[in-house]
Amino acid sequence: MLDTLELESGKLSQGLKDQYWSDGYLFPLPAISREHALQARAEFEAIERDWLDADLPLALNNYKRVNAHVVMPFAAEIASNPAVLDVIEGIIGPDIMIYSVEFFAKEPHTDHIVSMHQDLTYWGMGAIDGLVTAWIPLSAATPESGCMDFVRGSHKNPILPHADTFDDNNLLSRGQEVKVEVDPADKVSIEIHPGQMSLHHGLTIHGSGPNISDDRRIACVVRYLRPDMAQELAEEDFAMLVRGEDRYGNFTHIEAPKKNFAPEAVALYDHIRQVQAKVYMNNATQKSDIYA
């Protein structure tokens, strides 16, 4: 386990900022406390237990995997944690919006993977710098449990061609995979533990292998945006302002939910899902269970 990188008064030093922009990622950074992360895991697993048969409009997995912050208060709370935002500010500045919160769970001794890809491929915003992903583990993310692998410096590429696999073992919505050969020697294993997090650029090539450990590998994945970013393929997109101000109006503002799966939050979730599906599934050859 690598030692957590040291911050300066809770914020990124210039050296750490430079490292992020050089490598396209940064880890392991302090995030929420270990106790908070383990408590979040317990809440996540309680939702899995209590809401699985609750007759929600969509399968529970949809709400876990896409825009969880719209329907689960604890997801929005993790993403808006001031200590996390202090670090994010060092990458994208003082005006911060949450674009999405997702939970990736790999069960023990399963073959589920995430193929090597760039996040921005299908998001309709182009090859932007004003988006950063925070990967916050709620259980240990190790090579054995299927932690992420990053390719150093790969964010300096444009958006590269990708192929859709729609593989049942792939956790991505389209099973998207970058159409370049990635040498295993170029992969850096991003081992992080509860209380830590990693950051990566939207163009950084990354993926993860199967979980051969005895425990679930659970991660809260948060995408943060600068307000001057914009959706290019749809007339509307959505974000939650959590720090600073939005002087651009490129995103419809949404609020954190008050309780799990409140009817108005579920209705908003469905609206967002339908709008974003037109972008994320553009030109897809098959349907996805995650998007409409």
C-alpha atoms as a PDB file:
ATOM      1  CA  MET A   1       0.000   0.000   0.000  1.00  0.00           C
ATOM      2  CA  LEU A   2       1.476   3.321  -1.086  1.00  0.00           C
ATOM      3  CA  ASP A   3       1.611   6.174   1.390  1.00  0.00           C
ATOM      4  CA  THR A   4      -1.014   8.846   0.817  1.00  0.00           C
ATOM      5  CA  LEU A   5       0.376  11.906  -0.954  1.00  0.00           C
ATOM      6  CA  GLU A   6       0.727  14.957   1.277  1.00  0.00           C
ATOM      7  CA  LEU A   7      -1.349  18.060   0.642  1.00  0.00           C
ATOM      8  CA  GLU A   8      -0.572  21.654   1.563  1.00  0.00           C
ATOM      9  CA  SER A   9      -3.271  22.877   3.961  1.00  0.00           C
ATOM     10  CA  GLY A  10      -5.652  20.377   2.409  1.00  0.00           C
ATOM     11  CA  LYS A  11      -4.919  21.394  -1.182  1.00  0.00           C
ATOM     12  CA  LEU A  12      -2.708  20.211  -4.016  1.00  0.00           C
ATOM     13  CA  SER A  13       0.800  21.611  -4.098  1.00  0.00           C
ATOM     14  CA  GLN A  14       2.090  22.987  -7.380  1.00  0.00           C
ATOM     15  CA  GLY A  15       4.263  19.896  -7.673  1.00  0.00           C
ATOM     16  CA  LEU A  16       1.250  17.579  -7.444  1.00  0.00           C
ATOM     17  CA  LYS A  17      -0.674  19.683  -9.956  1.00  0.00           C
ATOM     18  CA  ASP A  18       2.261  19.437 -12.357  1.00  0.00           C
ATOM     19  CA  GLN A  19       2.400  15.679 -11.833  1.00  0.00           C
ATOM     20  CA  TYR A  20      -1.293  15.342 -12.689  1.00  0.00           C
ATOM     21  CA  TRP A  21      -0.940  17.316 -15.911  1.00  0.00           C
ATOM     22  CA  SER A  22       2.205  15.390 -16.852  1.00  0.00           C
ATOM     23  CA  ASP A  23       0.891  11.868 -16.146  1.00  0.00           C
ATOM     24  CA  GLY A  24      -2.853  12.334 -16.674  1.00  0.00           C
ATOM     25  CA  TYR A  25      -3.593  10.931 -13.225  1.00  0.00           C
ATOM     26  CA  LEU A  26      -2.639  11.322  -9.576  1.00  0.00           C
ATOM     27  CA  PHE A  27      -2.804   8.881  -6.663  1.00  0.00           C
ATOM     28  CA  PRO A  28      -3.080   8.036  -3.801  1.00  0.00           C
ATOM     29  CA  LEU A  29      -4.614  11.233  -2.466  1.00  0.00           C
ATOM     30  CA  PRO A  30      -6.516  11.797   0.771  1.00  0.00           C
ATOM     31  CA  ALA A  31     -10.282  11.795   0.325  1.00  0.00           C
ATOM     32  CA  ILE A  32     -13.033  11.126   2.827  1.00  0.00           C
ATOM     33  CA  SER A  33     -11.849   9.433   6.016  1.00  0.00           C
ATOM     34  CA  ARG A  34     -11.493   5.668   6.164  1.00  0.00           C
ATOM     35  CA  GLU A  35     -14.360   5.534   8.676  1.00  0.00           C
ATOM     36  CA  HIS A  36     -16.561   7.611   6.351  1.00  0.00           C
ATOM     37  CA  ALA A  37     -15.700   5.344   3.403  1.00  0.00           C
ATOM     38  CA  LEU A  38     -16.597   2.203   5.351  1.00  0.00           C
ATOM     39  CA  GLN A  39     -19.817   3.819   6.555  1.00  0.00           C
ATOM     40  CA  ALA A  40     -20.627   4.715   2.934  1.00  0.00           C
ATOM     41  CA  ARG A  41     -20.060   1.095   1.955  1.00  0.00           C
ATOM     42  CA  ALA A  42     -22.507   0.007   4.641  1.00  0.00           C
ATOM     43  CA  GLU A  43     -25.091   2.496   3.359  1.00  0.00           C
ATOM     44  CA  PHE A  44     -24.520   1.396  -0.239  1.00  0.00           C
ATOM     45  CA  GLU A  45     -25.031  -2.238   0.693  1.00  0.00           C
ATOM     46  CA  ALA A  46     -28.106  -1.358   2.769  1.00  0.00           C
ATOM     47  CA  ILE A  47     -29.617   0.287  -0.337  1.00  0.00           C
ATOM     48  CA  GLU A  48     -28.807  -2.836  -2.333  1.00  0.00           C
ATOM     49  CA  ARG A  49     -30.631  -4.922   0.276  1.00  0.00           C
ATOM     50  CA  ASP A  50     -33.590  -2.664   1.029  1.00  0.00           C
ATOM     51  CA  TRP A  51     -34.422  -1.387  -2.453  1.00  0.00           C
ATOM     52  CA  LEU A  52     -33.756  -4.429  -4.627  1.00  0.00           C
ATOM     53  CA  ASP A  53     -37.426  -5.474  -4.610  1.00  0.00           C
ATOM     54  CA  ALA A  54     -38.939  -2.048  -4.087  1.00  0.00           C
ATOM     55  CA  ASP A  55     -40.737  -1.905  -7.457  1.00  0.00           C
ATOM     56  CA  LEU A  56     -38.630   0.979  -8.786  1.00  0.00           C
ATOM     57  CA  PRO A  57     -39.268   1.984 -12.424  1.00  0.00           C
ATOM     58  CA  LEU A  58     -35.818   0.709 -13.425  1.00  0.00           C
ATOM     59  CA  ALA A  59     -33.552  -2.040 -12.163  1.00  0.00           C
ATOM     60  CA  LEU A  60     -31.650  -0.974  -9.066  1.00  0.00           C
ATOM     61  CA  ASN A  61     -28.372  -1.443 -10.960  1.00  0.00           C
ATOM     62  CA  ASN A  62     -29.287   1.450 -13.262  1.00  0.00           C
ATOM     63  CA  TYR A  63     -29.515   3.845 -10.346  1.00  0.00           C
ATOM     64  CA  LYS A  64     -26.238   2.578  -8.888  1.00  0.00           C
ATOM     65  CA  ARG A  65     -24.331   2.775 -12.151  1.00  0.00           C
ATOM     66  CA  VAL A  66     -25.541   6.084 -13.596  1.00  0.00           C
ATOM     67  CA  ASN A  67     -26.252   9.418 -11.879  1.00  0.00           C
ATOM     68  CA  ALA A  68     -26.640   7.940  -8.412  1.00  0.00           C
ATOM     69  CA  HIS A  69     -26.411  11.465  -6.942  1.00  0.00           C
ATOM     70  CA  VAL A  70     -29.824  12.258  -8.443  1.00  0.00           C
ATOM     71  CA  VAL A  71     -31.656   9.655  -6.328  1.00  0.00           C
ATOM     72  CA  MET A  72     -29.314   8.770  -3.411  1.00  0.00           C
ATOM     73  CA  PRO A  73     -28.457  11.526  -0.907  1.00  0.00           C
ATOM     74  CA  PHE A  74     -25.342   9.786   0.390  1.00  0.00           C
ATOM     75  CA  ALA A  75     -23.868   9.709  -3.142  1.00  0.00           C
ATOM     76  CA  ALA A  76     -24.280  13.476  -3.490  1.00  0.00           C
ATOM     77  CA  GLU A  77     -22.839  13.912   0.010  1.00  0.00           C
ATOM     78  CA  ILE A  78     -19.662  11.984  -0.800  1.00  0.00           C
ATOM     79  CA  ALA A  79     -19.184  13.903  -4.037  1.00  0.00           C
ATOM     80  CA  SER A  80     -19.647  17.296  -2.365  1.00  0.00           C
ATOM     81  CA  ASN A  81     -17.371  16.578   0.613  1.00  0.00           C
ATOM     82  CA  PRO A  82     -15.346  19.764   1.218  1.00  0.00           C
ATOM     83  CA  ALA A  83     -12.039  17.896   1.596  1.00  0.00           C
ATOM     84  CA  VAL A  84     -12.546  16.253  -1.797  1.00  0.00           C
ATOM     85  CA  LEU A  85     -13.574  19.548  -3.398  1.00  0.00           C
ATOM     86  CA  ASP A  86     -10.449  21.228  -1.999  1.00  0.00           C
ATOM     87  CA  VAL A  87      -8.364  18.754  -4.013  1.00  0.00           C
ATOM     88  CA  ILE A  88     -10.524  19.002  -7.145  1.00  0.00           C
ATOM     89  CA  GLU A  89     -10.170  22.784  -7.052  1.00  0.00           C
ATOM     90  CA  GLY A  90      -6.448  22.363  -7.692  1.00  0.00           C
ATOM     91  CA  ILE A  91      -7.238  20.746 -11.053  1.00  0.00           C
ATOM     92  CA  ILE A  92     -10.257  22.604 -12.456  1.00  0.00           C
ATOM     93  CA  GLY A  93     -10.426  25.766 -10.351  1.00  0.00           C
ATOM     94  CA  PRO A  94     -12.858  27.232  -7.800  1.00  0.00           C
ATOM     95  CA  ASP A  95     -16.090  26.750  -9.759  1.00  0.00           C
ATOM     96  CA  ILE A  96     -17.019  23.080  -9.507  1.00  0.00           C
ATOM     97  CA  MET A  97     -19.987  21.104 -10.789  1.00  0.00           C
ATOM     98  CA  ILE A  98     -20.753  17.420 -10.257  1.00  0.00           C
ATOM     99  CA  TYR A  99     -21.525  15.873 -13.636  1.00  0.00           C
ATOM    100  CA  SER A 100     -22.130  12.314 -12.468  1.00  0.00           C
ATOM    101  CA  VAL A 101     -21.700   9.884  -9.595  1.00  0.00           C
ATOM    102  CA  GLU A 102     -21.454   6.167 -10.334  1.00  0.00           C
ATOM    103  CA  PHE A 103     -20.884   3.076  -8.239  1.00  0.00           C
ATOM    104  CA  PHE A 104     -18.766   0.339  -9.771  1.00  0.00           C
ATOM    105  CA  ALA A 105     -18.950  -2.956  -7.878  1.00  0.00           C
ATOM    106  CA  LYS A 106     -17.007  -6.060  -8.834  1.00  0.00           C
ATOM    107  CA  GLU A 107     -18.035  -9.164  -6.986  1.00  0.00           C
ATOM    108  CA  PRO A 108     -15.319 -11.468  -5.592  1.00  0.00           C
ATOM    109  CA  HIS A 109     -14.051 -14.224  -7.857  1.00  0.00           C
ATOM    110  CA  THR A 110     -15.831 -12.919 -10.961  1.00  0.00           C
ATOM    111  CA  ASP A 111     -14.685 -12.135 -14.486  1.00  0.00           C
ATOM    112  CA  HIS A 112     -16.097  -8.618 -14.750  1.00  0.00           C
ATOM    113  CA  ILE A 113     -13.671  -6.137 -16.275  1.00  0.00           C
ATOM    114  CA  VAL A 114     -13.517  -2.588 -17.592  1.00  0.00           C
ATOM    115  CA  SER A 115     -11.867  -2.526 -21.007  1.00  0.00           C
ATOM    116  CA  MET A 116      -9.149   0.015 -21.768  1.00  0.00           C
ATOM    117  CA  HIS A 117     -10.853   3.237 -22.880  1.00  0.00           C
ATOM    118  CA  GLN A 118     -10.997   7.032 -22.648  1.00  0.00           C
ATOM    119  CA  ASP A 119     -13.917   8.452 -20.663  1.00  0.00           C
ATOM    120  CA  LEU A 120     -14.687  11.325 -23.025  1.00  0.00           C
ATOM    121  CA  THR A 121     -15.239   9.104 -26.066  1.00  0.00           C
ATOM    122  CA  TYR A 122     -19.049   9.171 -26.025  1.00  0.00           C
ATOM    123  CA  TRP A 123     -19.909  12.097 -23.752  1.00  0.00           C
ATOM    124  CA  GLY A 124     -20.488  14.694 -26.445  1.00  0.00           C
ATOM    125  CA  MET A 125     -18.119  17.324 -25.052  1.00  0.00           C
ATOM    126  CA  GLY A 126     -15.041  16.759 -27.158  1.00  0.00           C
ATOM    127  CA  ALA A 127     -11.464  16.423 -25.880  1.00  0.00           C
ATOM    128  CA  ILE A 128     -11.815  18.821 -22.958  1.00  0.00           C
ATOM    129  CA  ASP A 129      -9.447  19.566 -20.061  1.00  0.00           C
ATOM    130  CA  GLY A 130     -12.148  20.913 -17.753  1.00  0.00           C
ATOM    131  CA  LEU A 131     -13.323  17.543 -16.450  1.00  0.00           C
ATOM    132  CA  VAL A 132     -11.653  15.353 -13.849  1.00  0.00           C
ATOM    133  CA  THR A 133     -12.724  12.013 -12.400  1.00  0.00           C
ATOM    134  CA  ALA A 134     -12.254  11.177  -8.722  1.00  0.00           C
ATOM    135  CA  TRP A 135     -12.220   7.461  -7.935  1.00  0.00           C
ATOM    136  CA  ILE A 136     -13.090   6.966  -4.243  1.00  0.00           C
ATOM    137  CA  PRO A 137     -12.849   3.355  -3.007  1.00  0.00           C
ATOM    138  CA  LEU A 138     -15.335   2.028  -0.456  1.00  0.00           C
ATOM    139  CA  SER A 139     -13.331  -1.210  -0.269  1.00  0.00           C
ATOM    140  CA  ALA A 140      -9.751  -2.037  -1.144  1.00  0.00           C
ATOM    141  CA  ALA A 141      -8.830  -1.579  -4.817  1.00  0.00           C
ATOM    142  CA  THR A 142      -5.768  -3.745  -5.406  1.00  0.00           C
ATOM    143  CA  PRO A 143      -4.378  -5.664  -8.388  1.00  0.00           C
ATOM    144  CA  GLU A 144      -6.084  -8.755  -6.943  1.00  0.00           C
ATOM    145  CA  SER A 145      -9.477  -7.071  -6.641  1.00  0.00           C
ATOM    146  CA  GLY A 146      -9.318  -5.464 -10.084  1.00  0.00           C
ATOM    147  CA  CYS A 147      -8.033  -1.953  -9.448  1.00  0.00           C
ATOM    148  CA  MET A 148      -7.705   0.457 -12.352  1.00  0.00           C
ATOM    149  CA  ASP A 149      -4.692   0.538 -14.647  1.00  0.00           C
ATOM    150  CA  PHE A 150      -3.690   3.881 -16.184  1.00  0.00           C
ATOM    151  CA  VAL A 151      -1.443   4.560 -19.150  1.00  0.00           C
ATOM    152  CA  ARG A 152       0.892   7.388 -18.212  1.00  0.00           C
ATOM    153  CA  GLY A 153       0.745  10.420 -20.517  1.00  0.00           C
ATOM    154  CA  SER A 154      -2.063   8.988 -22.659  1.00  0.00           C
ATOM    155  CA  HIS A 155      -4.238  12.049 -21.969  1.00  0.00           C
ATOM    156  CA  LYS A 156      -2.029  13.957 -24.399  1.00  0.00           C
ATOM    157  CA  ASN A 157      -3.705  12.028 -27.244  1.00  0.00           C
ATOM    158  CA  PRO A 158      -6.922  13.200 -28.904  1.00  0.00           C
ATOM    159  CA  ILE A 159     -10.049  11.074 -28.544  1.00  0.00           C
ATOM    160  CA  LEU A 160      -8.923   7.830 -30.147  1.00  0.00           C
ATOM    161  CA  PRO A 161     -11.080   5.383 -32.150  1.00  0.00           C
ATOM    162  CA  HIS A 162     -13.012   2.932 -29.979  1.00  0.00           C
ATOM    163  CA  ALA A 163     -14.927  -0.254 -30.712  1.00  0.00           C
ATOM    164  CA  ASP A 164     -18.098  -1.365 -28.925  1.00  0.00           C
ATOM    165  CA  THR A 165     -17.950  -4.940 -27.666  1.00  0.00           C
ATOM    166  CA  PHE A 166     -21.172  -5.147 -25.617  1.00  0.00           C
ATOM    167  CA  ASP A 167     -19.449  -7.972 -23.750  1.00  0.00           C
ATOM    168  CA  ASP A 168     -21.507  -9.321 -20.835  1.00  0.00           C
ATOM    169  CA  ASN A 169     -18.419  -9.257 -18.600  1.00  0.00           C
ATOM    170  CA  ASN A 170     -17.658  -5.617 -19.386  1.00  0.00           C
ATOM    171  CA  LEU A 171     -19.030  -3.110 -16.873  1.00  0.00           C
ATOM    172  CA  LEU A 172     -19.079  -0.246 -19.396  1.00  0.00           C
ATOM    173  CA  SER A 173     -22.381   0.700 -21.037  1.00  0.00           C
ATOM    174  CA  ARG A 174     -21.178  -0.223 -24.535  1.00  0.00           C
ATOM    175  CA  GLY A 175     -18.197  -2.380 -23.615  1.00  0.00           C
ATOM    176  CA  GLN A 176     -16.160   0.300 -25.356  1.00  0.00           C
ATOM    177  CA  GLU A 177     -12.483  -0.410 -25.970  1.00  0.00           C
ATOM    178  CA  VAL A 178      -9.808   1.839 -27.424  1.00  0.00           C
ATOM    179  CA  LYS A 179      -8.587   0.578 -30.801  1.00  0.00           C
ATOM    180  CA  VAL A 180      -4.886   0.819 -30.040  1.00  0.00           C
ATOM    181  CA  GLU A 181      -2.598  -1.845 -28.686  1.00  0.00           C
ATOM    182  CA  VAL A 182      -1.822  -1.155 -25.029  1.00  0.00           C
ATOM    183  CA  ASP A 183       1.411  -2.784 -23.916  1.00  0.00           C
ATOM    184  CA  PRO A 184       0.943  -4.361 -20.467  1.00  0.00           C
ATOM    185  CA  ALA A 185       4.282  -2.789 -19.514  1.00  0.00           C
ATOM    186  CA  ASP A 186       2.714   0.656 -20.003  1.00  0.00           C
ATOM    187  CA  LYS A 187      -0.032   0.032 -17.445  1.00  0.00           C
ATOM    188  CA  VAL A 188       0.315   1.507 -13.948  1.00  0.00           C
ATOM    189  CA  SER A 189      -1.751  -0.268 -11.265  1.00  0.00           C
ATOM    190  CA  ILE A 190      -3.698   2.265  -9.213  1.00  0.00           C
ATOM    191  CA  GLU A 191      -3.900   0.628  -5.808  1.00  0.00           C
ATOM    192  CA  ILE A 192      -5.975   2.691  -3.391  1.00  0.00           C
ATOM    193  CA  HIS A 193      -7.785   1.952  -0.136  1.00  0.00           C
ATOM    194  CA  PRO A 194     -10.723   3.451   1.799  1.00  0.00           C
ATOM    195  CA  GLY A 195      -9.722   6.960   2.848  1.00  0.00           C
ATOM    196  CA  GLN A 196      -7.749   7.522  -0.366  1.00  0.00           C
ATOM    197  CA  MET A 197      -8.703   8.452  -3.928  1.00  0.00           C
ATOM    198  CA  SER A 198      -7.228   8.794  -7.386  1.00  0.00           C
ATOM    199  CA  LEU A 199      -7.825  11.467 -10.013  1.00  0.00           C
ATOM    200  CA  HIS A 200      -7.640  11.041 -13.759  1.00  0.00           C
ATOM    201  CA  HIS A 201      -8.096  13.115 -16.900  1.00  0.00           C
ATOM    202  CA  GLY A 202     -10.989  12.359 -19.234  1.00  0.00           C
ATOM    203  CA  LEU A 203      -8.591  11.343 -22.005  1.00  0.00           C
ATOM    204  CA  THR A 204      -6.377   9.057 -19.925  1.00  0.00           C
ATOM    205  CA  ILE A 205      -6.525   5.490 -21.234  1.00  0.00           C
ATOM    206  CA  HIS A 206      -7.535   3.194 -18.397  1.00  0.00           C
ATOM    207  CA  GLY A 207      -9.310  -0.037 -17.545  1.00  0.00           C
ATOM    208  CA  SER A 208      -9.326  -2.786 -14.945  1.00  0.00           C
ATOM    209  CA  GLY A 209      -9.147  -6.554 -14.676  1.00  0.00           C
ATOM    210  CA  PRO A 210     -11.266  -9.141 -12.850  1.00  0.00           C
ATOM    211  CA  ASN A 211     -11.680  -9.387  -9.091  1.00  0.00           C
ATOM    212  CA  ILE A 212      -9.959 -12.553  -7.922  1.00  0.00           C
ATOM    213  CA  SER A 213      -9.980 -11.494  -4.255  1.00  0.00           C
ATOM    214  CA  ASP A 214     -12.347 -12.619  -1.488  1.00  0.00           C
ATOM    215  CA  ASP A 215     -14.055  -9.230  -1.080  1.00  0.00           C
ATOM    216  CA  ARG A 216     -16.193  -6.976  -3.244  1.00  0.00           C
ATOM    217  CA  ARG A 217     -14.389  -4.116  -4.966  1.00  0.00           C
ATOM    218  CA  ILE A 218     -16.694  -1.099  -4.615  1.00  0.00           C
ATOM    219  CA  ALA A 219     -15.885   2.383  -5.875  1.00  0.00           C
ATOM    220  CA  CYS A 220     -17.696   5.710  -5.871  1.00  0.00           C
ATOM    221  CA  VAL A 221     -16.708   7.424  -9.123  1.00  0.00           C
ATOM    222  CA  VAL A 222     -17.358  11.165  -9.410  1.00  0.00           C
ATOM    223  CA  ARG A 223     -17.001  13.313 -12.541  1.00  0.00           C
ATOM    224  CA  TYR A 224     -16.382  17.000 -11.883  1.00  0.00           C
ATOM    225  CA  LEU A 225     -16.751  19.764 -14.469  1.00  0.00           C
ATOM    226  CA  ARG A 226     -15.851  23.401 -14.889  1.00  0.00           C
ATOM    227  CA  PRO A 227     -19.027  25.345 -15.721  1.00  0.00           C
ATOM    228  CA  ASP A 228     -17.579  26.629 -19.004  1.00  0.00           C
ATOM    229  CA  MET A 229     -17.612  23.116 -20.482  1.00  0.00           C
ATOM    230  CA  ALA A 230     -20.560  22.379 -22.769  1.00  0.00           C
ATOM    231  CA  GLN A 231     -22.542  19.558 -24.309  1.00  0.00           C
ATOM    232  CA  GLU A 232     -22.164  19.544 -28.101  1.00  0.00           C
ATOM    233  CA  LEU A 233     -24.564  16.772 -29.153  1.00  0.00           C
ATOM    234  CA  ALA A 234     -27.706  17.587 -27.181  1.00  0.00           C
ATOM    235  CA  GLU A 235     -29.668  20.730 -26.402  1.00  0.00           C
ATOM    236  CA  GLU A 236     -29.579  20.051 -22.655  1.00  0.00           C
ATOM    237  CA  ASP A 237     -27.317  18.437 -20.092  1.00  0.00           C
ATOM    238  CA  PHE A 238     -27.293  18.425 -16.312  1.00  0.00           C
ATOM    239  CA  ALA A 239     -24.932  19.156 -13.435  1.00  0.00           C
ATOM    240  CA  MET A 240     -24.950  19.977  -9.721  1.00  0.00           C
ATOM    241  CA  LEU A 241     -23.121  23.145  -8.665  1.00  0.00           C
ATOM    242  CA  VAL A 242     -21.232  22.399  -5.434  1.00  0.00           C
ATOM    243  CA  ARG A 243     -18.647  25.189  -5.222  1.00  0.00           C
ATOM    244  CA  GLY A 244     -18.245  28.686  -6.642  1.00  0.00           C
ATOM    245  CA  GLU A 245     -20.597  29.960  -9.323  1.00  0.00           C
ATOM    246  CA  ASP A 246     -21.820  29.159 -12.810  1.00  0.00           C
ATOM    247  CA  ARG A 247     -21.456  32.164 -15.100  1.00  0.00           C
ATOM    248  CA  TYR A 248     -22.150  30.230 -18.301  1.00  0.00           C
ATOM    249  CA  GLY A 249     -25.482  28.426 -17.999  1.00  0.00           C
ATOM    250  CA  ASN A 250     -24.404  25.481 -20.162  1.00  0.00           C
ATOM    251  CA  PHE A 251     -25.976  22.934 -17.813  1.00  0.00           C
ATOM    252  CA  THR A 252     -29.386  22.612 -16.204  1.00  0.00           C
ATOM    253  CA  HIS A 253     -28.782  22.756 -12.455  1.00  0.00           C
ATOM    254  CA  ILE A 254     -30.068  19.924 -10.298  1.00  0.00           C
ATOM    255  CA  GLU A 255     -30.282  19.686  -6.520  1.00  0.00           C
ATOM    256  CA  ALA A 256     -29.220  16.894  -4.191  1.00  0.00           C
ATOM    257  CA  PRO A 257     -32.130  14.595  -3.273  1.00  0.00           C
ATOM    258  CA  LYS A 258     -33.613  14.741   0.225  1.00  0.00           C
ATOM    259  CA  LYS A 259     -34.261  11.011   0.580  1.00  0.00           C
ATOM    260  CA  ASN A 260     -33.588   7.800  -1.305  1.00  0.00           C
ATOM    261  CA  PHE A 261     -35.630   7.417  -4.496  1.00  0.00           C
ATOM    262  CA  ALA A 262     -38.085  10.224  -3.795  1.00  0.00           C
ATOM    263  CA  PRO A 263     -40.723  10.278  -6.588  1.00  0.00           C
ATOM    264  CA  GLU A 264     -39.630  13.665  -7.908  1.00  0.00           C
ATOM    265  CA  ALA A 265     -35.979  12.533  -7.947  1.00  0.00           C
ATOM    266  CA  VAL A 266     -36.857   9.329  -9.781  1.00  0.00           C
ATOM    267  CA  ALA A 267     -38.800  11.350 -12.378  1.00  0.00           C
ATOM    268  CA  LEU A 268     -35.836  13.695 -12.841  1.00  0.00           C
ATOM    269  CA  TYR A 269     -33.519  10.706 -13.148  1.00  0.00           C
ATOM    270  CA  ASP A 270     -35.645   9.275 -15.950  1.00  0.00           C
ATOM    271  CA  HIS A 271     -35.641  12.602 -17.816  1.00  0.00           C
ATOM    272  CA  ILE A 272     -31.859  12.907 -17.544  1.00  0.00           C
ATOM    273  CA  ARG A 273     -31.424   9.285 -18.630  1.00  0.00           C
ATOM    274  CA  GLN A 274     -33.478   9.788 -21.777  1.00  0.00           C
ATOM    275  CA  VAL A 275     -31.637  12.975 -22.739  1.00  0.00           C
ATOM    276  CA  GLN A 276     -28.161  11.569 -22.079  1.00  0.00           C
ATOM    277  CA  ALA A 277     -28.896   8.253 -23.799  1.00  0.00           C
ATOM    278  CA  LYS A 278     -29.212  10.108 -27.107  1.00  0.00           C
ATOM    279  CA  VAL A 279     -25.601  11.230 -26.655  1.00  0.00           C
ATOM    280  CA  TYR A 280     -23.972   8.259 -24.931  1.00  0.00           C
ATOM    281  CA  MET A 281     -25.581   5.664 -27.206  1.00  0.00           C
ATOM    282  CA  ASN A 282     -25.216   7.686 -30.400  1.00  0.00           C
ATOM    283  CA  ASN A 283     -24.467   5.353 -33.337  1.00  0.00           C
ATOM    284  CA  ALA A 284     -24.483   2.279 -31.069  1.00  0.00           C
ATOM    285  CA  THR A 285     -25.223  -0.970 -32.856  1.00  0.00           C
ATOM    286  CA  GLN A 286     -26.956  -2.544 -29.857  1.00  0.00           C
ATOM    287  CA  LYS A 287     -29.098  -1.452 -26.930  1.00  0.00           C
ATOM    288  CA  SER A 288     -27.719  -1.020 -23.415  1.00  0.00           C
ATOM    289  CA  ASP A 289     -29.440  -2.067 -20.202  1.00  0.00           C
ATOM    290  CA  ILE A 290     -28.044   1.018 -18.492  1.00  0.00           C
ATOM    291  CA  TYR A 291     -29.373   3.662 -20.877  1.00  0.00           C
ATOM    292  CA  ALA A 292     -32.804   4.026 -22.439  1.00  0.00           C
END
